[in-house]
Amino acid sequence: MSTPRSDPPLKSPSEHIHQNKIPSDSSSSLSTPCQNFTKIHHHSCPICSLLMNPLPASRNGADYIPTPLEEGINVLTHIFPIFFFSYYSFQIWNDDIVNNFFEKFAVITYGMGMNVLFGVSSLYHFMCLWLGRNDSMSQLFRIFDHATIYLFIACSYTPWLALVDFGRGIGHVLTGVVWTFCFAGLVKMFFSHKFMKFLQNVNNVTMTNVMGWIGCLMVPSALMTHVPVEAFMLLILGGCFFSFGCIFLVFGNGRIPFSHGIWHVFVFLGVLSHFTALYAYLLNLDSIYHPDSSHHSKQIVLDQILDLIAGKKDWNYPKYFVPELVEWYYMLTGGRSVSKI
C-alpha cells in the first residue's frame, strides 16, 4: 500500500523533456523577508546548505531540489531493501514453504512488484543525483517511478487474493477494483495528456491511499477467521506506515532535512510488515489454522482480538524474525511464552 511522491500532475515523457522546468528560488519578485532570510541563512551556513536547500519561492515542496547528500540518501534507502528482501525471499524459498501454484504465483508477483518499485525509484534518484532533476532522462524516470507505485500496490493485494478464500465472490470484486485503480494510475502517468485528462486533477497521494485502504472496506469478516489475527494486524500496520510517511512526503521537502529519505524509510517499514504477513502467515495457513468451527463467525474474530489485548492468547510469532528481536519481544511481554510458527 505504498504512495507516490506528491509532485504536480505529470505530463507525457516527450512533454517533460522539452517543457518541464522547476522554479528557481530567485525567480520570484514576491519573496517575503522571511523567505529572503531563509535563503541568506542557507547560503551562508555550510552545514545547512549541506543538509537541506531552502524552500523554493513557490512554497511548493514539489518544486524542491534536494542537496546531493539528500539525493544520495534517497538512493541508498531504496537500494538497501532490494538486497534485504531478495536475501530473505531466497532463504524462505529454500525452506520449502512455497508449494502449490497459487503460493508460487503470489510470491513471484509480489517479489517482482517489490523489486521493480525499489529498483526504479533508486534509478530515478540516481539520475537526479548524476544528471540533475531537470534533465530529460531524470524526468522520464520520474514518470516510471510514479507508475510503478500503482503497480506495486496491486501486486501487494495479489497474495491475499490468491491465498485467502474470501467467499461470496468478494475476491473477484476486489481484484477488479484494485486492478482498475492500477490501470487508471498507469493511464494517469503515461497517457492522460491525450485522453482522460480528468485524471490529471486527481492527487497521486490521495489516489494511492484510497487504492491501498479500499480493501479494508470490502473484505468480510471471513478474512480474519481464515487468517490469523496477527497477519491482519501486520497488514493494517503496513498501511499505517505508508500513510503516516506521506506527512514527510507532502510537507517535509525544504522544511525537514532528508524528509524524502525519511519517507523511504516508512515505505521500507510498510513493505516489511506486509512481507512478514505473507511469508510468516499466508504461506503457512494449512499448518496454523483450522476453519471448521469458526467459518464466517464475527464473534470469534472479536474474541481473538480481545484475548490478544488481554494477554489470554499467545501470539503466533513469525519464526523468520532474527533471534535478537525474539529476545526483545520476550522481555517486553514480561517473559510470557511466544508461540512460534
C-alpha atoms as a PDB file:
ATOM      1  CA  MET A   1       0.000   0.000   0.000  1.00  0.00           C
ATOM      2  CA  SER A   2       2.689   2.313  -0.992  1.00  0.00           C
ATOM      3  CA  THR A   3       2.075   6.005  -2.107  1.00  0.00           C
ATOM      4  CA  PRO A   4       3.906   8.109  -4.665  1.00  0.00           C
ATOM      5  CA  ARG A   5       5.619  11.412  -4.219  1.00  0.00           C
ATOM      6  CA  SER A   6       3.375  14.427  -4.107  1.00  0.00           C
ATOM      7  CA  ASP A   7       4.596  16.071  -7.282  1.00  0.00           C
ATOM      8  CA  PRO A   8       2.306  18.159  -9.515  1.00  0.00           C
ATOM      9  CA  PRO A   9       0.441  16.382 -12.346  1.00  0.00           C
ATOM     10  CA  LEU A  10       2.924  14.795 -14.730  1.00  0.00           C
ATOM     11  CA  LYS A  11       2.927  15.367 -18.459  1.00  0.00           C
ATOM     12  CA  SER A  12       3.850  12.854 -21.107  1.00  0.00           C
ATOM     13  CA  PRO A  13       7.523  11.824 -21.394  1.00  0.00           C
ATOM     14  CA  SER A  14       8.003  13.968 -24.512  1.00  0.00           C
ATOM     15  CA  GLU A  15       6.370  16.993 -22.875  1.00  0.00           C
ATOM     16  CA  HIS A  16       8.618  16.580 -19.839  1.00  0.00           C
ATOM     17  CA  ILE A  17      11.751  16.511 -21.957  1.00  0.00           C
ATOM     18  CA  HIS A  18      11.038  19.861 -23.600  1.00  0.00           C
ATOM     19  CA  GLN A  19       8.766  21.750 -21.218  1.00  0.00           C
ATOM     20  CA  ASN A  20       9.105  20.710 -17.588  1.00  0.00           C
ATOM     21  CA  LYS A  21      11.114  23.246 -15.626  1.00  0.00           C
ATOM     22  CA  ILE A  22      11.366  23.614 -11.883  1.00  0.00           C
ATOM     23  CA  PRO A  23      11.022  27.146 -10.493  1.00  0.00           C
ATOM     24  CA  SER A  24      14.171  28.764  -9.198  1.00  0.00           C
ATOM     25  CA  ASP A  25      14.345  30.355  -5.783  1.00  0.00           C
ATOM     26  CA  SER A  26      15.394  33.662  -7.351  1.00  0.00           C
ATOM     27  CA  SER A  27      12.654  33.707  -9.976  1.00  0.00           C
ATOM     28  CA  SER A  28      10.015  35.288  -7.768  1.00  0.00           C
ATOM     29  CA  SER A  29       9.891  39.018  -7.086  1.00  0.00           C
ATOM     30  CA  LEU A  30       7.357  38.466  -4.312  1.00  0.00           C
ATOM     31  CA  SER A  31       9.709  36.913  -1.762  1.00  0.00           C
ATOM     32  CA  THR A  32       8.875  37.832   1.808  1.00  0.00           C
ATOM     33  CA  PRO A  33      11.540  38.975   4.324  1.00  0.00           C
ATOM     34  CA  CYS A  34      11.229  35.563   5.973  1.00  0.00           C
ATOM     35  CA  GLN A  35      11.935  33.824   2.676  1.00  0.00           C
ATOM     36  CA  ASN A  36      14.907  36.105   1.969  1.00  0.00           C
ATOM     37  CA  PHE A  37      16.310  35.453   5.446  1.00  0.00           C
ATOM     38  CA  THR A  38      15.938  31.703   4.883  1.00  0.00           C
ATOM     39  CA  LYS A  39      17.835  31.926   1.597  1.00  0.00           C
ATOM     40  CA  ILE A  40      20.639  34.025   3.101  1.00  0.00           C
ATOM     41  CA  HIS A  41      20.899  31.675   6.071  1.00  0.00           C
ATOM     42  CA  HIS A  42      21.083  28.568   3.881  1.00  0.00           C
ATOM     43  CA  HIS A  43      23.671  30.049   1.535  1.00  0.00           C
ATOM     44  CA  SER A  44      25.841  31.370   4.385  1.00  0.00           C
ATOM     45  CA  CYS A  45      25.650  28.295   6.618  1.00  0.00           C
ATOM     46  CA  PRO A  46      27.750  25.403   5.257  1.00  0.00           C
ATOM     47  CA  ILE A  47      26.007  22.824   7.434  1.00  0.00           C
ATOM     48  CA  CYS A  48      22.515  23.940   6.416  1.00  0.00           C
ATOM     49  CA  SER A  49      23.442  24.055   2.738  1.00  0.00           C
ATOM     50  CA  LEU A  50      24.781  20.505   3.023  1.00  0.00           C
ATOM     51  CA  LEU A  51      21.738  19.064   4.785  1.00  0.00           C
ATOM     52  CA  MET A  52      18.916  20.903   3.022  1.00  0.00           C
ATOM     53  CA  ASN A  53      18.285  23.525   0.356  1.00  0.00           C
ATOM     54  CA  PRO A  54      15.899  26.416   1.097  1.00  0.00           C
ATOM     55  CA  LEU A  55      12.257  26.016   0.226  1.00  0.00           C
ATOM     56  CA  PRO A  56      11.552  27.386  -3.280  1.00  0.00           C
ATOM     57  CA  ALA A  57       9.855  30.753  -3.704  1.00  0.00           C
ATOM     58  CA  SER A  58       6.732  28.920  -4.850  1.00  0.00           C
ATOM     59  CA  ARG A  59       6.491  27.455  -1.307  1.00  0.00           C
ATOM     60  CA  ASN A  60       5.612  24.169  -3.013  1.00  0.00           C
ATOM     61  CA  GLY A  61       7.528  21.174  -1.745  1.00  0.00           C
ATOM     62  CA  ALA A  62       7.114  19.527  -5.148  1.00  0.00           C
ATOM     63  CA  ASP A  63       9.445  22.188  -6.609  1.00  0.00           C
ATOM     64  CA  TYR A  64      12.133  21.497  -4.011  1.00  0.00           C
ATOM     65  CA  ILE A  65      15.536  20.378  -5.307  1.00  0.00           C
ATOM     66  CA  PRO A  66      17.354  18.135  -2.779  1.00  0.00           C
ATOM     67  CA  THR A  67      21.010  18.605  -1.921  1.00  0.00           C
ATOM     68  CA  PRO A  68      23.447  15.984  -3.289  1.00  0.00           C
ATOM     69  CA  LEU A  69      23.637  14.454   0.187  1.00  0.00           C
ATOM     70  CA  GLU A  70      19.841  14.211   0.428  1.00  0.00           C
ATOM     71  CA  GLU A  71      19.630  12.669  -3.037  1.00  0.00           C
ATOM     72  CA  GLY A  72      22.345  10.184  -2.118  1.00  0.00           C
ATOM     73  CA  ILE A  73      20.321   9.141   0.933  1.00  0.00           C
ATOM     74  CA  ASN A  74      17.269   8.773  -1.318  1.00  0.00           C
ATOM     75  CA  VAL A  75      19.217   6.329  -3.479  1.00  0.00           C
ATOM     76  CA  LEU A  76      20.618   4.281  -0.595  1.00  0.00           C
ATOM     77  CA  THR A  77      17.306   3.975   1.252  1.00  0.00           C
ATOM     78  CA  HIS A  78      15.772   2.177  -1.724  1.00  0.00           C
ATOM     79  CA  ILE A  79      18.807   0.175  -2.830  1.00  0.00           C
ATOM     80  CA  PHE A  80      19.144  -1.480   0.583  1.00  0.00           C
ATOM     81  CA  PRO A  81      15.619  -3.018   0.532  1.00  0.00           C
ATOM     82  CA  ILE A  82      16.375  -4.724  -2.798  1.00  0.00           C
ATOM     83  CA  PHE A  83      19.200  -6.756  -1.249  1.00  0.00           C
ATOM     84  CA  PHE A  84      17.402  -7.200   2.079  1.00  0.00           C
ATOM     85  CA  PHE A  85      14.180  -8.625   0.658  1.00  0.00           C
ATOM     86  CA  SER A  86      15.931 -10.593  -2.093  1.00  0.00           C
ATOM     87  CA  TYR A  87      18.076 -12.347   0.504  1.00  0.00           C
ATOM     88  CA  TYR A  88      15.175 -13.281   2.789  1.00  0.00           C
ATOM     89  CA  SER A  89      12.975 -14.285  -0.135  1.00  0.00           C
ATOM     90  CA  PHE A  90      15.696 -16.701  -1.239  1.00  0.00           C
ATOM     91  CA  GLN A  91      16.041 -18.061   2.295  1.00  0.00           C
ATOM     92  CA  ILE A  92      12.311 -18.635   2.638  1.00  0.00           C
ATOM     93  CA  TRP A  93      12.062 -20.267  -0.792  1.00  0.00           C
ATOM     94  CA  ASN A  94      14.717 -22.737   0.359  1.00  0.00           C
ATOM     95  CA  ASP A  95      12.600 -23.572   3.426  1.00  0.00           C
ATOM     96  CA  ASP A  96      10.111 -25.327   1.121  1.00  0.00           C
ATOM     97  CA  ILE A  97       7.063 -23.442   2.369  1.00  0.00           C
ATOM     98  CA  VAL A  98       6.193 -22.348  -1.181  1.00  0.00           C
ATOM     99  CA  ASN A  99       4.499 -25.445  -2.554  1.00  0.00           C
ATOM    100  CA  ASN A 100       1.462 -25.117  -4.818  1.00  0.00           C
ATOM    101  CA  PHE A 101       0.772 -22.993  -7.899  1.00  0.00           C
ATOM    102  CA  PHE A 102      -1.107 -20.251  -6.040  1.00  0.00           C
ATOM    103  CA  GLU A 103       1.664 -19.817  -3.482  1.00  0.00           C
ATOM    104  CA  LYS A 104       4.295 -19.614  -6.222  1.00  0.00           C
ATOM    105  CA  PHE A 105       2.169 -17.143  -8.186  1.00  0.00           C
ATOM    106  CA  ALA A 106       1.685 -14.967  -5.091  1.00  0.00           C
ATOM    107  CA  VAL A 107       5.371 -14.969  -4.158  1.00  0.00           C
ATOM    108  CA  ILE A 108       6.621 -14.262  -7.683  1.00  0.00           C
ATOM    109  CA  THR A 109       4.076 -11.496  -8.318  1.00  0.00           C
ATOM    110  CA  TYR A 110       4.735  -9.764  -5.012  1.00  0.00           C
ATOM    111  CA  GLY A 111       8.504 -10.162  -5.317  1.00  0.00           C
ATOM    112  CA  MET A 112       8.609  -8.747  -8.835  1.00  0.00           C
ATOM    113  CA  GLY A 113       6.408  -5.782  -7.915  1.00  0.00           C
ATOM    114  CA  MET A 114       8.530  -5.064  -4.857  1.00  0.00           C
ATOM    115  CA  ASN A 115      11.869  -5.164  -6.687  1.00  0.00           C
ATOM    116  CA  VAL A 116      10.566  -3.087  -9.597  1.00  0.00           C
ATOM    117  CA  LEU A 117       9.329  -0.464  -7.122  1.00  0.00           C
ATOM    118  CA  PHE A 118      12.653  -0.145  -5.290  1.00  0.00           C
ATOM    119  CA  GLY A 119      14.742  -0.556  -8.445  1.00  0.00           C
ATOM    120  CA  VAL A 120      13.019   2.139 -10.498  1.00  0.00           C
ATOM    121  CA  SER A 121      12.961   4.509  -7.520  1.00  0.00           C
ATOM    122  CA  SER A 122      16.697   4.025  -6.994  1.00  0.00           C
ATOM    123  CA  LEU A 123      17.390   4.655 -10.687  1.00  0.00           C
ATOM    124  CA  TYR A 124      15.278   7.809 -10.670  1.00  0.00           C
ATOM    125  CA  HIS A 125      17.079   9.310  -7.687  1.00  0.00           C
ATOM    126  CA  PHE A 126      20.451   8.243  -9.106  1.00  0.00           C
ATOM    127  CA  MET A 127      19.610  10.066 -12.345  1.00  0.00           C
ATOM    128  CA  CYS A 128      18.680  13.154 -10.324  1.00  0.00           C
ATOM    129  CA  LEU A 129      21.975  12.923  -8.438  1.00  0.00           C
ATOM    130  CA  TRP A 130      24.047  12.358 -11.576  1.00  0.00           C
ATOM    131  CA  LEU A 131      22.299  14.456 -14.229  1.00  0.00           C
ATOM    132  CA  GLY A 132      20.123  16.825 -12.211  1.00  0.00           C
ATOM    133  CA  ARG A 133      16.396  16.821 -11.674  1.00  0.00           C
ATOM    134  CA  ASN A 134      15.625  18.909 -14.787  1.00  0.00           C
ATOM    135  CA  ASP A 135      17.421  16.538 -17.152  1.00  0.00           C
ATOM    136  CA  SER A 136      15.178  14.793 -19.691  1.00  0.00           C
ATOM    137  CA  MET A 137      16.289  11.330 -18.553  1.00  0.00           C
ATOM    138  CA  SER A 138      15.525  12.170 -14.933  1.00  0.00           C
ATOM    139  CA  GLN A 139      12.080  13.410 -15.911  1.00  0.00           C
ATOM    140  CA  LEU A 140      11.410  10.203 -17.832  1.00  0.00           C
ATOM    141  CA  PHE A 141      12.406   8.032 -14.870  1.00  0.00           C
ATOM    142  CA  ARG A 142      10.248  10.212 -12.642  1.00  0.00           C
ATOM    143  CA  ILE A 143       7.207   9.116 -14.636  1.00  0.00           C
ATOM    144  CA  PHE A 144       8.186   5.444 -14.372  1.00  0.00           C
ATOM    145  CA  ASP A 145       8.861   5.913 -10.659  1.00  0.00           C
ATOM    146  CA  HIS A 146       5.318   7.108 -10.040  1.00  0.00           C
ATOM    147  CA  ALA A 147       3.774   4.491 -12.319  1.00  0.00           C
ATOM    148  CA  THR A 148       5.468   1.553 -10.578  1.00  0.00           C
ATOM    149  CA  ILE A 149       3.881   2.565  -7.266  1.00  0.00           C
ATOM    150  CA  TYR A 150       0.400   1.887  -8.636  1.00  0.00           C
ATOM    151  CA  LEU A 151       1.647  -1.438  -9.974  1.00  0.00           C
ATOM    152  CA  PHE A 152       3.205  -2.374  -6.637  1.00  0.00           C
ATOM    153  CA  ILE A 153       0.004  -1.707  -4.693  1.00  0.00           C
ATOM    154  CA  ALA A 154      -1.867  -4.082  -7.000  1.00  0.00           C
ATOM    155  CA  CYS A 155       0.892  -6.678  -6.555  1.00  0.00           C
ATOM    156  CA  SER A 156       0.607  -6.259  -2.771  1.00  0.00           C
ATOM    157  CA  TYR A 157      -3.048  -7.313  -2.927  1.00  0.00           C
ATOM    158  CA  THR A 158      -2.262 -10.380  -5.055  1.00  0.00           C
ATOM    159  CA  PRO A 159      -1.045 -12.745  -2.269  1.00  0.00           C
ATOM    160  CA  TRP A 160      -4.177 -12.111  -0.210  1.00  0.00           C
ATOM    161  CA  LEU A 161      -6.456 -12.532  -3.218  1.00  0.00           C
ATOM    162  CA  ALA A 162      -4.673 -15.700  -4.343  1.00  0.00           C
ATOM    163  CA  LEU A 163      -4.255 -17.464  -0.987  1.00  0.00           C
ATOM    164  CA  VAL A 164      -7.259 -16.406   1.109  1.00  0.00           C
ATOM    165  CA  ASP A 165     -10.757 -17.761   0.496  1.00  0.00           C
ATOM    166  CA  PHE A 166     -12.842 -14.598   0.719  1.00  0.00           C
ATOM    167  CA  GLY A 167     -16.026 -16.355  -0.339  1.00  0.00           C
ATOM    168  CA  ARG A 168     -19.235 -14.995  -1.872  1.00  0.00           C
ATOM    169  CA  GLY A 169     -17.430 -13.578  -4.897  1.00  0.00           C
ATOM    170  CA  ILE A 170     -15.904 -10.706  -2.924  1.00  0.00           C
ATOM    171  CA  GLY A 171     -12.427 -11.771  -4.039  1.00  0.00           C
ATOM    172  CA  HIS A 172     -13.326 -11.300  -7.698  1.00  0.00           C
ATOM    173  CA  VAL A 173     -14.856  -7.888  -6.992  1.00  0.00           C
ATOM    174  CA  LEU A 174     -11.825  -6.738  -5.008  1.00  0.00           C
ATOM    175  CA  THR A 175      -9.463  -7.972  -7.736  1.00  0.00           C
ATOM    176  CA  GLY A 176     -11.365  -5.989 -10.344  1.00  0.00           C
ATOM    177  CA  VAL A 177     -11.419  -2.831  -8.216  1.00  0.00           C
ATOM    178  CA  VAL A 178      -7.707  -2.962  -7.381  1.00  0.00           C
ATOM    179  CA  TRP A 179      -6.520  -3.565 -10.929  1.00  0.00           C
ATOM    180  CA  THR A 180      -8.901  -0.898 -12.239  1.00  0.00           C
ATOM    181  CA  PHE A 181      -7.201   1.563  -9.902  1.00  0.00           C
ATOM    182  CA  CYS A 182      -3.831   0.310 -11.139  1.00  0.00           C
ATOM    183  CA  PHE A 183      -4.828   0.758 -14.791  1.00  0.00           C
ATOM    184  CA  ALA A 184      -6.158   4.260 -14.064  1.00  0.00           C
ATOM    185  CA  GLY A 185      -2.889   5.150 -12.345  1.00  0.00           C
ATOM    186  CA  LEU A 186      -0.829   3.963 -15.314  1.00  0.00           C
ATOM    187  CA  VAL A 187      -3.048   5.918 -17.708  1.00  0.00           C
ATOM    188  CA  LYS A 188      -2.640   8.973 -15.474  1.00  0.00           C
ATOM    189  CA  MET A 189       1.138   8.700 -15.643  1.00  0.00           C
ATOM    190  CA  PHE A 190       1.576   7.974 -19.346  1.00  0.00           C
ATOM    191  CA  PHE A 191      -1.467   8.848 -21.434  1.00  0.00           C
ATOM    192  CA  SER A 192      -3.860  11.245 -19.719  1.00  0.00           C
ATOM    193  CA  HIS A 193      -2.390  14.190 -21.652  1.00  0.00           C
ATOM    194  CA  LYS A 194      -4.134  12.692 -24.696  1.00  0.00           C
ATOM    195  CA  PHE A 195      -7.339  11.382 -23.154  1.00  0.00           C
ATOM    196  CA  MET A 196      -8.913  11.028 -19.713  1.00  0.00           C
ATOM    197  CA  LYS A 197      -7.408  14.399 -18.814  1.00  0.00           C
ATOM    198  CA  PHE A 198      -9.597  14.499 -15.709  1.00  0.00           C
ATOM    199  CA  LEU A 199      -7.170  12.032 -14.116  1.00  0.00           C
ATOM    200  CA  GLN A 200      -4.540  14.767 -14.022  1.00  0.00           C
ATOM    201  CA  ASN A 201      -6.700  16.601 -11.491  1.00  0.00           C
ATOM    202  CA  VAL A 202      -6.573  13.641  -9.091  1.00  0.00           C
ATOM    203  CA  ASN A 203      -3.827  13.930  -6.488  1.00  0.00           C
ATOM    204  CA  ASN A 204      -1.399  10.995  -6.595  1.00  0.00           C
ATOM    205  CA  VAL A 205      -1.123  10.693  -2.824  1.00  0.00           C
ATOM    206  CA  THR A 206      -4.888  10.682  -2.395  1.00  0.00           C
ATOM    207  CA  MET A 207      -5.441   8.175  -5.188  1.00  0.00           C
ATOM    208  CA  THR A 208      -2.885   5.663  -3.928  1.00  0.00           C
ATOM    209  CA  ASN A 209      -4.070   5.936  -0.311  1.00  0.00           C
ATOM    210  CA  VAL A 210      -7.630   5.216  -1.401  1.00  0.00           C
ATOM    211  CA  MET A 211      -6.364   2.323  -3.513  1.00  0.00           C
ATOM    212  CA  GLY A 212      -4.426   0.904  -0.577  1.00  0.00           C
ATOM    213  CA  TRP A 213      -7.147   1.180   2.065  1.00  0.00           C
ATOM    214  CA  ILE A 214     -10.201   0.301  -0.011  1.00  0.00           C
ATOM    215  CA  GLY A 215      -9.601  -3.397   0.619  1.00  0.00           C
ATOM    216  CA  CYS A 216     -10.453  -2.925   4.299  1.00  0.00           C
ATOM    217  CA  LEU A 217     -13.890  -1.635   3.333  1.00  0.00           C
ATOM    218  CA  MET A 218     -14.656  -4.581   1.060  1.00  0.00           C
ATOM    219  CA  VAL A 219     -13.151  -7.501   2.967  1.00  0.00           C
ATOM    220  CA  PRO A 220     -15.721  -9.506   5.004  1.00  0.00           C
ATOM    221  CA  SER A 221     -15.061 -10.736   8.500  1.00  0.00           C
ATOM    222  CA  ALA A 222     -14.158 -14.096   6.979  1.00  0.00           C
ATOM    223  CA  LEU A 223     -10.707 -12.670   6.274  1.00  0.00           C
ATOM    224  CA  MET A 224      -9.885 -12.608   9.969  1.00  0.00           C
ATOM    225  CA  THR A 225     -11.145 -16.135  10.505  1.00  0.00           C
ATOM    226  CA  HIS A 226      -9.304 -17.567   7.521  1.00  0.00           C
ATOM    227  CA  VAL A 227      -6.083 -15.818   8.541  1.00  0.00           C
ATOM    228  CA  PRO A 228      -4.505 -15.361  11.992  1.00  0.00           C
ATOM    229  CA  VAL A 229      -5.324 -12.024  13.567  1.00  0.00           C
ATOM    230  CA  GLU A 230      -1.610 -11.246  13.705  1.00  0.00           C
ATOM    231  CA  ALA A 231      -1.374 -11.312   9.902  1.00  0.00           C
ATOM    232  CA  PHE A 232      -4.295  -8.937   9.561  1.00  0.00           C
ATOM    233  CA  MET A 233      -2.751  -6.582  12.135  1.00  0.00           C
ATOM    234  CA  LEU A 234       0.520  -6.596  10.189  1.00  0.00           C
ATOM    235  CA  LEU A 235      -1.462  -5.713   7.081  1.00  0.00           C
ATOM    236  CA  ILE A 236      -3.009  -2.713   8.865  1.00  0.00           C
ATOM    237  CA  LEU A 237       0.347  -1.734  10.390  1.00  0.00           C
ATOM    238  CA  GLY A 238       1.943  -1.655   6.952  1.00  0.00           C
ATOM    239  CA  GLY A 239      -0.787   0.610   5.659  1.00  0.00           C
ATOM    240  CA  CYS A 240      -0.287   2.943   8.622  1.00  0.00           C
ATOM    241  CA  PHE A 241       3.439   3.173   7.870  1.00  0.00           C
ATOM    242  CA  PHE A 242       2.719   4.130   4.266  1.00  0.00           C
ATOM    243  CA  SER A 243       0.057   6.694   5.135  1.00  0.00           C
ATOM    244  CA  PHE A 244       1.981   8.272   8.024  1.00  0.00           C
ATOM    245  CA  GLY A 245       5.068   8.545   5.824  1.00  0.00           C
ATOM    246  CA  CYS A 246       3.056  10.706   3.444  1.00  0.00           C
ATOM    247  CA  ILE A 247       3.334  13.520   6.004  1.00  0.00           C
ATOM    248  CA  PHE A 248       7.068  13.750   5.276  1.00  0.00           C
ATOM    249  CA  LEU A 249       6.459  13.284   1.567  1.00  0.00           C
ATOM    250  CA  VAL A 250       3.904  16.084   1.248  1.00  0.00           C
ATOM    251  CA  PHE A 251       5.018  18.604   3.879  1.00  0.00           C
ATOM    252  CA  GLY A 252       8.678  17.818   4.588  1.00  0.00           C
ATOM    253  CA  ASN A 253      10.596  18.927   1.481  1.00  0.00           C
ATOM    254  CA  GLY A 254      12.519  22.119   2.214  1.00  0.00           C
ATOM    255  CA  ARG A 255      11.312  22.105   5.815  1.00  0.00           C
ATOM    256  CA  ILE A 256      12.774  18.890   7.284  1.00  0.00           C
ATOM    257  CA  PRO A 257      16.248  17.667   6.246  1.00  0.00           C
ATOM    258  CA  PHE A 258      16.190  14.312   4.445  1.00  0.00           C
ATOM    259  CA  SER A 259      12.388  14.276   4.513  1.00  0.00           C
ATOM    260  CA  HIS A 260      12.192  12.233   1.319  1.00  0.00           C
ATOM    261  CA  GLY A 261      14.687   9.746   2.721  1.00  0.00           C
ATOM    262  CA  ILE A 262      12.517   9.504   5.849  1.00  0.00           C
ATOM    263  CA  TRP A 263       9.553   8.776   3.567  1.00  0.00           C
ATOM    264  CA  HIS A 264      11.601   5.975   2.004  1.00  0.00           C
ATOM    265  CA  VAL A 265      12.226   4.504   5.466  1.00  0.00           C
ATOM    266  CA  PHE A 266       8.477   4.416   6.132  1.00  0.00           C
ATOM    267  CA  VAL A 267       7.994   2.696   2.764  1.00  0.00           C
ATOM    268  CA  PHE A 268      10.552   0.077   3.809  1.00  0.00           C
ATOM    269  CA  LEU A 269       8.759  -0.480   7.132  1.00  0.00           C
ATOM    270  CA  GLY A 270       5.414  -0.815   5.358  1.00  0.00           C
ATOM    271  CA  VAL A 271       6.785  -3.370   2.919  1.00  0.00           C
ATOM    272  CA  LEU A 272       8.492  -5.214   5.788  1.00  0.00           C
ATOM    273  CA  SER A 273       5.156  -5.537   7.605  1.00  0.00           C
ATOM    274  CA  HIS A 274       3.414  -6.941   4.535  1.00  0.00           C
ATOM    275  CA  PHE A 275       6.408  -9.145   3.713  1.00  0.00           C
ATOM    276  CA  THR A 276       6.211 -10.678   7.196  1.00  0.00           C
ATOM    277  CA  ALA A 277       2.460 -11.231   6.903  1.00  0.00           C
ATOM    278  CA  LEU A 278       2.924 -13.033   3.587  1.00  0.00           C
ATOM    279  CA  TYR A 279       5.863 -15.281   4.376  1.00  0.00           C
ATOM    280  CA  ALA A 280       5.189 -15.977   8.050  1.00  0.00           C
ATOM    281  CA  TYR A 281       1.417 -16.414   7.921  1.00  0.00           C
ATOM    282  CA  LEU A 282      -0.221 -16.570   4.484  1.00  0.00           C
ATOM    283  CA  LEU A 283       2.150 -19.272   3.256  1.00  0.00           C
ATOM    284  CA  ASN A 284       1.517 -21.351   6.406  1.00  0.00           C
ATOM    285  CA  LEU A 285      -2.277 -21.274   6.561  1.00  0.00           C
ATOM    286  CA  ASP A 286      -2.668 -25.053   6.398  1.00  0.00           C
ATOM    287  CA  SER A 287      -0.465 -25.606   9.448  1.00  0.00           C
ATOM    288  CA  ILE A 288      -1.714 -22.817  11.722  1.00  0.00           C
ATOM    289  CA  TYR A 289      -5.436 -22.556  11.092  1.00  0.00           C
ATOM    290  CA  HIS A 290      -8.372 -24.921  11.100  1.00  0.00           C
ATOM    291  CA  PRO A 291     -11.523 -23.116   9.938  1.00  0.00           C
ATOM    292  CA  ASP A 292     -14.128 -25.826  10.540  1.00  0.00           C
ATOM    293  CA  SER A 293     -15.591 -24.330  13.719  1.00  0.00           C
ATOM    294  CA  SER A 294     -15.253 -20.615  13.021  1.00  0.00           C
ATOM    295  CA  HIS A 295     -16.134 -20.007   9.402  1.00  0.00           C
ATOM    296  CA  HIS A 296     -17.721 -16.560   8.920  1.00  0.00           C
ATOM    297  CA  SER A 297     -18.016 -16.014  12.685  1.00  0.00           C
ATOM    298  CA  LYS A 298     -17.726 -12.344  13.670  1.00  0.00           C
ATOM    299  CA  GLN A 299     -17.865 -13.196  17.358  1.00  0.00           C
ATOM    300  CA  ILE A 300     -14.813 -15.447  17.108  1.00  0.00           C
ATOM    301  CA  VAL A 301     -12.920 -12.659  15.354  1.00  0.00           C
ATOM    302  CA  LEU A 302     -13.779 -10.267  18.180  1.00  0.00           C
ATOM    303  CA  ASP A 303     -12.852 -12.849  20.802  1.00  0.00           C
ATOM    304  CA  GLN A 304      -9.440 -13.365  19.178  1.00  0.00           C
ATOM    305  CA  ILE A 305      -8.675  -9.651  19.286  1.00  0.00           C
ATOM    306  CA  LEU A 306      -9.860  -9.219  22.888  1.00  0.00           C
ATOM    307  CA  ASP A 307      -7.865 -12.265  24.023  1.00  0.00           C
ATOM    308  CA  LEU A 308      -4.716 -10.876  22.408  1.00  0.00           C
ATOM    309  CA  ILE A 309      -5.184  -7.491  24.084  1.00  0.00           C
ATOM    310  CA  ALA A 310      -5.905  -9.091  27.462  1.00  0.00           C
ATOM    311  CA  GLY A 311      -2.908 -11.399  27.171  1.00  0.00           C
ATOM    312  CA  LYS A 312      -5.032 -14.566  27.259  1.00  0.00           C
ATOM    313  CA  LYS A 313      -3.876 -15.685  23.820  1.00  0.00           C
ATOM    314  CA  ASP A 314      -0.252 -16.122  22.792  1.00  0.00           C
ATOM    315  CA  TRP A 315       0.871 -14.510  19.588  1.00  0.00           C
ATOM    316  CA  ASN A 316       1.641 -16.719  16.629  1.00  0.00           C
ATOM    317  CA  TYR A 317       5.075 -15.156  16.377  1.00  0.00           C
ATOM    318  CA  PRO A 318       6.796 -15.383  12.964  1.00  0.00           C
ATOM    319  CA  LYS A 319       9.836 -17.620  13.015  1.00  0.00           C
ATOM    320  CA  TYR A 320      11.564 -15.514  10.350  1.00  0.00           C
ATOM    321  CA  PHE A 321      12.421 -12.688  12.749  1.00  0.00           C
ATOM    322  CA  VAL A 322      16.031 -12.612  13.874  1.00  0.00           C
ATOM    323  CA  PRO A 323      16.731 -14.124  17.333  1.00  0.00           C
ATOM    324  CA  GLU A 324      17.556 -10.683  18.803  1.00  0.00           C
ATOM    325  CA  LEU A 325      14.025  -9.470  18.049  1.00  0.00           C
ATOM    326  CA  VAL A 326      12.544 -12.580  19.636  1.00  0.00           C
ATOM    327  CA  GLU A 327      14.500 -11.903  22.837  1.00  0.00           C
ATOM    328  CA  TRP A 328      13.445  -8.228  22.753  1.00  0.00           C
ATOM    329  CA  TYR A 329       9.798  -9.217  22.388  1.00  0.00           C
ATOM    330  CA  TYR A 330      10.133 -11.757  25.218  1.00  0.00           C
ATOM    331  CA  MET A 331      11.419  -9.066  27.592  1.00  0.00           C
ATOM    332  CA  LEU A 332       8.672  -6.605  26.649  1.00  0.00           C
ATOM    333  CA  THR A 333       5.972  -9.187  27.318  1.00  0.00           C
ATOM    334  CA  GLY A 334       7.338  -9.909  30.780  1.00  0.00           C
ATOM    335  CA  GLY A 335       8.507 -13.390  29.923  1.00  0.00           C
ATOM    336  CA  ARG A 336       5.174 -14.546  28.519  1.00  0.00           C
ATOM    337  CA  SER A 337       5.588 -17.518  26.200  1.00  0.00           C
ATOM    338  CA  VAL A 338       5.733 -16.973  22.476  1.00  0.00           C
ATOM    339  CA  SER A 339       4.157 -19.480  20.129  1.00  0.00           C
ATOM    340  CA  LYS A 340       6.424 -19.769  17.097  1.00  0.00           C
ATOM    341  CA  ILE A 341       5.051 -20.946  13.791  1.00  0.00           C
END
